[in-house]
Amino acid sequence: MNALFIATGNSHKTQEIAGMLGADFVVSDLSSRPELPEVEETGTTFSENARLKAVEISKQIQGFILSDDSGLEVDALGGEPGVYSARYAGQGKGTAENNAKLMREMKGKENRSARFQCVMVLAEAGEVLAEYAGCVEGSIISEQRGSEGFGYDPLFIPDGYDLTFAELGDDVKNQLSHRARALAPMISFLREKLS
């Protein structure tokens, strides 16, 4: 069994990554280490934020630290919410408020194209070992559908599908999501490092 620490307090994200990693890895995250500081995401890109979190936590915990920064980019909104996806409706607001704001901002917009972006960074002892990105194109619908997933999943239909991420379920989402696309090469890199 290989240990992998994920530099996030988002349990949904941890479960998703753990599900994609499979039984070879024992995964833990910041919820198991409340004494660790939450790293402020001051970067202006997904890469900068993922690097900040991975490097900082890797200075405080031994072993491999995986960090992910991801979000939704909507063309009609000039790429918003982007790196501010988790706090789109404001600091301290949650998924319901973020989705409500997105629906308000998209009202009357003809161009519905959007994408989920993800950058994953692996660090150890304050050094970045690897970085991979993943993207899935799709569109934003006008009202939420589905109860699976998290975040903007009920509003996002990936290209080639008629269902939202929240309707497709984890098995399908974990094969085609932005996170899955960034994690696949990261898993290969990790297996090489560990062999």
C-alpha atoms as a PDB file:
ATOM      1  CA  MET A   1       0.000   0.000   0.000  1.00  0.00           C
ATOM      2  CA  ASN A   2       1.281   3.431  -0.941  1.00  0.00           C
ATOM      3  CA  ALA A   3       0.404   6.483   1.134  1.00  0.00           C
ATOM      4  CA  LEU A   4      -0.650   9.666  -0.612  1.00  0.00           C
ATOM      5  CA  PHE A   5      -1.623  12.865   1.162  1.00  0.00           C
ATOM      6  CA  ILE A   6      -3.958  15.203  -0.676  1.00  0.00           C
ATOM      7  CA  ALA A   7      -3.577  18.878   0.190  1.00  0.00           C
ATOM      8  CA  THR A   8      -7.293  19.637   0.392  1.00  0.00           C
ATOM      9  CA  GLY A   9     -10.020  19.931   2.977  1.00  0.00           C
ATOM     10  CA  ASN A  10     -12.656  19.147   0.335  1.00  0.00           C
ATOM     11  CA  SER A  11     -13.887  15.635   1.179  1.00  0.00           C
ATOM     12  CA  HIS A  12     -15.708  15.342  -2.183  1.00  0.00           C
ATOM     13  CA  LYS A  13     -12.449  15.957  -4.027  1.00  0.00           C
ATOM     14  CA  THR A  14     -10.584  13.460  -1.826  1.00  0.00           C
ATOM     15  CA  GLN A  15     -13.222  10.755  -2.401  1.00  0.00           C
ATOM     16  CA  GLU A  16     -13.157  11.362  -6.140  1.00  0.00           C
ATOM     17  CA  ILE A  17      -9.349  11.109  -6.309  1.00  0.00           C
ATOM     18  CA  ALA A  18      -9.284   8.055  -4.009  1.00  0.00           C
ATOM     19  CA  GLY A  19     -11.859   6.347  -6.211  1.00  0.00           C
ATOM     20  CA  MET A  20      -9.739   6.937  -9.305  1.00  0.00           C
ATOM     21  CA  LEU A  21      -6.494   5.837  -7.604  1.00  0.00           C
ATOM     22  CA  GLY A  22      -7.912   2.468  -6.612  1.00  0.00           C
ATOM     23  CA  ALA A  23      -6.806   0.055  -3.903  1.00  0.00           C
ATOM     24  CA  ASP A  24      -3.046   0.566  -4.393  1.00  0.00           C
ATOM     25  CA  PHE A  25      -3.121   3.843  -2.479  1.00  0.00           C
ATOM     26  CA  VAL A  26      -4.144   4.828   1.023  1.00  0.00           C
ATOM     27  CA  VAL A  27      -5.352   8.417   0.782  1.00  0.00           C
ATOM     28  CA  SER A  28      -5.650  11.019   3.527  1.00  0.00           C
ATOM     29  CA  ASP A  29      -6.207  14.774   3.459  1.00  0.00           C
ATOM     30  CA  LEU A  30      -6.187  17.894   5.617  1.00  0.00           C
ATOM     31  CA  SER A  31      -9.229  16.711   7.591  1.00  0.00           C
ATOM     32  CA  SER A  32      -6.934  14.133   9.235  1.00  0.00           C
ATOM     33  CA  ARG A  33      -4.358  16.804  10.164  1.00  0.00           C
ATOM     34  CA  PRO A  34      -6.280  19.773  11.641  1.00  0.00           C
ATOM     35  CA  GLU A  35      -3.067  21.271  13.001  1.00  0.00           C
ATOM     36  CA  LEU A  36      -1.867  22.071   9.484  1.00  0.00           C
ATOM     37  CA  PRO A  37      -2.600  25.558   8.156  1.00  0.00           C
ATOM     38  CA  GLU A  38      -4.966  26.051   5.259  1.00  0.00           C
ATOM     39  CA  VAL A  39      -2.817  27.374   2.427  1.00  0.00           C
ATOM     40  CA  GLU A  40      -4.254  30.555   0.974  1.00  0.00           C
ATOM     41  CA  GLU A  41      -4.870  30.356  -2.770  1.00  0.00           C
ATOM     42  CA  THR A  42      -3.287  33.632  -3.833  1.00  0.00           C
ATOM     43  CA  GLY A  43      -2.327  32.487  -7.340  1.00  0.00           C
ATOM     44  CA  THR A  44      -3.991  33.797 -10.482  1.00  0.00           C
ATOM     45  CA  THR A  45      -3.839  30.433 -12.306  1.00  0.00           C
ATOM     46  CA  PHE A  46      -4.798  26.865 -11.413  1.00  0.00           C
ATOM     47  CA  SER A  47      -1.125  25.911 -11.680  1.00  0.00           C
ATOM     48  CA  GLU A  48       0.022  28.602  -9.242  1.00  0.00           C
ATOM     49  CA  ASN A  49      -2.596  27.618  -6.656  1.00  0.00           C
ATOM     50  CA  ALA A  50      -1.897  23.887  -6.969  1.00  0.00           C
ATOM     51  CA  ARG A  51       1.833  24.529  -6.578  1.00  0.00           C
ATOM     52  CA  LEU A  52       1.323  26.769  -3.535  1.00  0.00           C
ATOM     53  CA  LYS A  53      -0.663  24.085  -1.718  1.00  0.00           C
ATOM     54  CA  ALA A  54       1.514  21.108  -2.666  1.00  0.00           C
ATOM     55  CA  VAL A  55       4.821  22.796  -1.833  1.00  0.00           C
ATOM     56  CA  GLU A  56       3.679  24.297   1.476  1.00  0.00           C
ATOM     57  CA  ILE A  57       2.129  21.080   2.808  1.00  0.00           C
ATOM     58  CA  SER A  58       5.103  19.011   1.581  1.00  0.00           C
ATOM     59  CA  LYS A  59       7.359  21.111   3.829  1.00  0.00           C
ATOM     60  CA  GLN A  60       5.313  19.947   6.822  1.00  0.00           C
ATOM     61  CA  ILE A  61       4.531  16.296   6.035  1.00  0.00           C
ATOM     62  CA  GLN A  62       6.881  13.581   4.831  1.00  0.00           C
ATOM     63  CA  GLY A  63       6.057  11.695   1.659  1.00  0.00           C
ATOM     64  CA  PHE A  64       4.206  12.532  -1.516  1.00  0.00           C
ATOM     65  CA  ILE A  65       1.747  15.422  -1.414  1.00  0.00           C
ATOM     66  CA  LEU A  66      -0.802  15.769  -4.204  1.00  0.00           C
ATOM     67  CA  SER A  67      -2.598  19.040  -4.762  1.00  0.00           C
ATOM     68  CA  ASP A  68      -5.311  19.905  -7.222  1.00  0.00           C
ATOM     69  CA  ASP A  69      -6.684  23.252  -8.228  1.00  0.00           C
ATOM     70  CA  SER A  70      -9.628  23.162 -10.533  1.00  0.00           C
ATOM     71  CA  GLY A  71     -12.596  25.158 -11.631  1.00  0.00           C
ATOM     72  CA  LEU A  72     -15.137  26.073 -14.232  1.00  0.00           C
ATOM     73  CA  GLU A  73     -14.449  28.515 -17.073  1.00  0.00           C
ATOM     74  CA  VAL A  74     -17.492  29.905 -18.876  1.00  0.00           C
ATOM     75  CA  ASP A  75     -16.854  31.587 -22.240  1.00  0.00           C
ATOM     76  CA  ALA A  76     -19.811  34.005 -22.053  1.00  0.00           C
ATOM     77  CA  LEU A  77     -18.461  35.238 -18.694  1.00  0.00           C
ATOM     78  CA  GLY A  78     -14.923  35.847 -19.942  1.00  0.00           C
ATOM     79  CA  GLY A  79     -13.627  32.674 -18.283  1.00  0.00           C
ATOM     80  CA  GLU A  80     -15.284  33.261 -14.906  1.00  0.00           C
ATOM     81  CA  PRO A  81     -15.527  31.864 -12.302  1.00  0.00           C
ATOM     82  CA  GLY A  82     -12.117  30.288 -13.098  1.00  0.00           C
ATOM     83  CA  VAL A  83      -9.727  30.133 -10.134  1.00  0.00           C
ATOM     84  CA  TYR A  84     -12.476  31.678  -7.992  1.00  0.00           C
ATOM     85  CA  SER A  85     -14.925  28.811  -8.685  1.00  0.00           C
ATOM     86  CA  ALA A  86     -15.147  27.698  -5.038  1.00  0.00           C
ATOM     87  CA  ARG A  87     -15.784  31.255  -3.820  1.00  0.00           C
ATOM     88  CA  TYR A  88     -17.640  32.685  -6.812  1.00  0.00           C
ATOM     89  CA  ALA A  89     -20.567  33.958  -4.717  1.00  0.00           C
ATOM     90  CA  GLY A  90     -18.211  35.356  -2.085  1.00  0.00           C
ATOM     91  CA  GLN A  91     -16.106  34.154   0.826  1.00  0.00           C
ATOM     92  CA  GLY A  92     -17.968  31.742   3.092  1.00  0.00           C
ATOM     93  CA  LYS A  93     -20.655  30.983   0.506  1.00  0.00           C
ATOM     94  CA  GLY A  94     -21.259  27.414  -0.620  1.00  0.00           C
ATOM     95  CA  THR A  95     -22.284  25.371  -3.622  1.00  0.00           C
ATOM     96  CA  ALA A  96     -25.926  26.504  -3.606  1.00  0.00           C
ATOM     97  CA  GLU A  97     -24.954  30.195  -3.718  1.00  0.00           C
ATOM     98  CA  ASN A  98     -22.263  29.601  -6.366  1.00  0.00           C
ATOM     99  CA  ASN A  99     -24.698  27.718  -8.616  1.00  0.00           C
ATOM    100  CA  ALA A 100     -27.403  30.360  -8.090  1.00  0.00           C
ATOM    101  CA  LYS A 101     -24.970  33.121  -9.062  1.00  0.00           C
ATOM    102  CA  LEU A 102     -23.859  31.207 -12.168  1.00  0.00           C
ATOM    103  CA  MET A 103     -27.486  30.741 -13.261  1.00  0.00           C
ATOM    104  CA  ARG A 104     -28.162  34.470 -12.737  1.00  0.00           C
ATOM    105  CA  GLU A 105     -25.053  35.492 -14.698  1.00  0.00           C
ATOM    106  CA  MET A 106     -25.946  33.123 -17.565  1.00  0.00           C
ATOM    107  CA  LYS A 107     -29.553  34.296 -17.891  1.00  0.00           C
ATOM    108  CA  GLY A 108     -30.191  35.326 -21.504  1.00  0.00           C
ATOM    109  CA  LYS A 109     -26.720  34.275 -22.701  1.00  0.00           C
ATOM    110  CA  GLU A 110     -26.732  32.375 -25.993  1.00  0.00           C
ATOM    111  CA  ASN A 111     -23.170  31.093 -25.802  1.00  0.00           C
ATOM    112  CA  ARG A 112     -23.320  28.292 -23.197  1.00  0.00           C
ATOM    113  CA  SER A 113     -19.861  26.783 -23.822  1.00  0.00           C
ATOM    114  CA  ALA A 114     -17.690  26.103 -20.803  1.00  0.00           C
ATOM    115  CA  ARG A 115     -14.979  23.801 -19.545  1.00  0.00           C
ATOM    116  CA  PHE A 116     -13.740  22.323 -16.323  1.00  0.00           C
ATOM    117  CA  GLN A 117      -9.983  22.752 -15.875  1.00  0.00           C
ATOM    118  CA  CYS A 118      -7.771  20.924 -13.396  1.00  0.00           C
ATOM    119  CA  VAL A 119      -4.080  21.155 -12.574  1.00  0.00           C
ATOM    120  CA  MET A 120      -2.517  18.546 -10.301  1.00  0.00           C
ATOM    121  CA  VAL A 121       0.863  18.969  -8.664  1.00  0.00           C
ATOM    122  CA  LEU A 122       2.897  16.363  -6.809  1.00  0.00           C
ATOM    123  CA  ALA A 123       5.474  17.619  -4.325  1.00  0.00           C
ATOM    124  CA  GLU A 124       7.865  16.203  -1.763  1.00  0.00           C
ATOM    125  CA  ALA A 125       9.999  18.070   0.774  1.00  0.00           C
ATOM    126  CA  GLY A 126       9.156  21.478  -0.698  1.00  0.00           C
ATOM    127  CA  GLU A 127       9.975  20.498  -4.296  1.00  0.00           C
ATOM    128  CA  VAL A 128       7.567  20.036  -7.213  1.00  0.00           C
ATOM    129  CA  LEU A 129       8.052  16.582  -8.740  1.00  0.00           C
ATOM    130  CA  ALA A 130       5.343  16.611 -11.408  1.00  0.00           C
ATOM    131  CA  GLU A 131       2.495  18.695 -12.792  1.00  0.00           C
ATOM    132  CA  TYR A 132      -0.321  17.590 -15.092  1.00  0.00           C
ATOM    133  CA  ALA A 133      -3.398  19.346 -16.436  1.00  0.00           C
ATOM    134  CA  GLY A 134      -6.770  18.063 -17.590  1.00  0.00           C
ATOM    135  CA  CYS A 135      -9.739  19.687 -19.274  1.00  0.00           C
ATOM    136  CA  VAL A 136     -13.246  18.651 -20.266  1.00  0.00           C
ATOM    137  CA  GLU A 137     -15.321  20.787 -22.625  1.00  0.00           C
ATOM    138  CA  GLY A 138     -19.061  21.134 -22.304  1.00  0.00           C
ATOM    139  CA  SER A 139     -21.910  23.562 -21.791  1.00  0.00           C
ATOM    140  CA  ILE A 140     -23.910  25.211 -19.016  1.00  0.00           C
ATOM    141  CA  ILE A 141     -27.630  24.510 -18.735  1.00  0.00           C
ATOM    142  CA  SER A 142     -30.182  26.939 -17.323  1.00  0.00           C
ATOM    143  CA  GLU A 143     -31.361  24.882 -14.347  1.00  0.00           C
ATOM    144  CA  GLN A 144     -29.785  22.241 -12.158  1.00  0.00           C
ATOM    145  CA  ARG A 145     -30.259  18.532 -12.903  1.00  0.00           C
ATOM    146  CA  GLY A 146     -29.047  15.507 -10.953  1.00  0.00           C
ATOM    147  CA  SER A 147     -27.970  14.743  -7.409  1.00  0.00           C
ATOM    148  CA  GLU A 148     -24.553  13.102  -7.816  1.00  0.00           C
ATOM    149  CA  GLY A 149     -21.185  14.864  -7.754  1.00  0.00           C
ATOM    150  CA  PHE A 150     -20.570  18.279  -6.247  1.00  0.00           C
ATOM    151  CA  GLY A 151     -19.988  21.917  -7.103  1.00  0.00           C
ATOM    152  CA  TYR A 152     -21.165  22.932 -10.560  1.00  0.00           C
ATOM    153  CA  ASP A 153     -21.837  19.315 -11.659  1.00  0.00           C
ATOM    154  CA  PRO A 154     -25.669  19.798 -11.848  1.00  0.00           C
ATOM    155  CA  LEU A 155     -25.207  22.643 -14.367  1.00  0.00           C
ATOM    156  CA  PHE A 156     -22.504  21.159 -16.628  1.00  0.00           C
ATOM    157  CA  ILE A 157     -23.098  18.795 -19.553  1.00  0.00           C
ATOM    158  CA  PRO A 158     -19.860  17.397 -21.015  1.00  0.00           C
ATOM    159  CA  ASP A 159     -19.579  17.377 -24.816  1.00  0.00           C
ATOM    160  CA  GLY A 160     -20.990  14.199 -26.337  1.00  0.00           C
ATOM    161  CA  TYR A 161     -23.517  13.646 -23.540  1.00  0.00           C
ATOM    162  CA  ASP A 162     -27.105  14.698 -22.796  1.00  0.00           C
ATOM    163  CA  LEU A 163     -26.743  14.382 -19.024  1.00  0.00           C
ATOM    164  CA  THR A 164     -25.033  16.630 -16.489  1.00  0.00           C
ATOM    165  CA  PHE A 165     -22.074  15.403 -14.450  1.00  0.00           C
ATOM    166  CA  ALA A 166     -24.544  15.183 -11.539  1.00  0.00           C
ATOM    167  CA  GLU A 167     -26.758  12.812 -13.569  1.00  0.00           C
ATOM    168  CA  LEU A 168     -23.969  10.705 -15.086  1.00  0.00           C
ATOM    169  CA  GLY A 169     -22.758   9.434 -11.695  1.00  0.00           C
ATOM    170  CA  ASP A 170     -19.253   8.851 -10.391  1.00  0.00           C
ATOM    171  CA  ASP A 171     -18.371   5.873 -12.600  1.00  0.00           C
ATOM    172  CA  VAL A 172     -18.836   7.821 -15.828  1.00  0.00           C
ATOM    173  CA  LYS A 173     -17.633  11.168 -14.461  1.00  0.00           C
ATOM    174  CA  ASN A 174     -14.430   9.596 -13.109  1.00  0.00           C
ATOM    175  CA  GLN A 175     -13.566   8.367 -16.596  1.00  0.00           C
ATOM    176  CA  LEU A 176     -13.960  11.633 -18.468  1.00  0.00           C
ATOM    177  CA  SER A 177     -13.650  14.508 -15.992  1.00  0.00           C
ATOM    178  CA  HIS A 178     -10.938  17.161 -15.943  1.00  0.00           C
ATOM    179  CA  ARG A 179      -9.664  15.606 -12.701  1.00  0.00           C
ATOM    180  CA  ALA A 180      -9.508  12.137 -14.264  1.00  0.00           C
ATOM    181  CA  ARG A 181      -7.549  13.525 -17.219  1.00  0.00           C
ATOM    182  CA  ALA A 182      -4.990  15.214 -14.959  1.00  0.00           C
ATOM    183  CA  LEU A 183      -4.781  12.249 -12.588  1.00  0.00           C
ATOM    184  CA  ALA A 184      -4.162   9.526 -15.221  1.00  0.00           C
ATOM    185  CA  PRO A 185      -0.624  10.691 -16.116  1.00  0.00           C
ATOM    186  CA  MET A 186       0.015  11.509 -12.435  1.00  0.00           C
ATOM    187  CA  ILE A 187      -0.804   7.902 -11.467  1.00  0.00           C
ATOM    188  CA  SER A 188       1.664   6.654 -14.104  1.00  0.00           C
ATOM    189  CA  PHE A 189       4.308   9.025 -12.745  1.00  0.00           C
ATOM    190  CA  LEU A 190       3.637   7.883  -9.144  1.00  0.00           C
ATOM    191  CA  ARG A 191       3.835   4.192 -10.056  1.00  0.00           C
ATOM    192  CA  GLU A 192       7.198   4.778 -11.746  1.00  0.00           C
ATOM    193  CA  LYS A 193       8.523   6.691  -8.710  1.00  0.00           C
ATOM    194  CA  LEU A 194       7.336   3.965  -6.337  1.00  0.00           C
ATOM    195  CA  SER A 195       8.595   0.962  -8.326  1.00  0.00           C
END
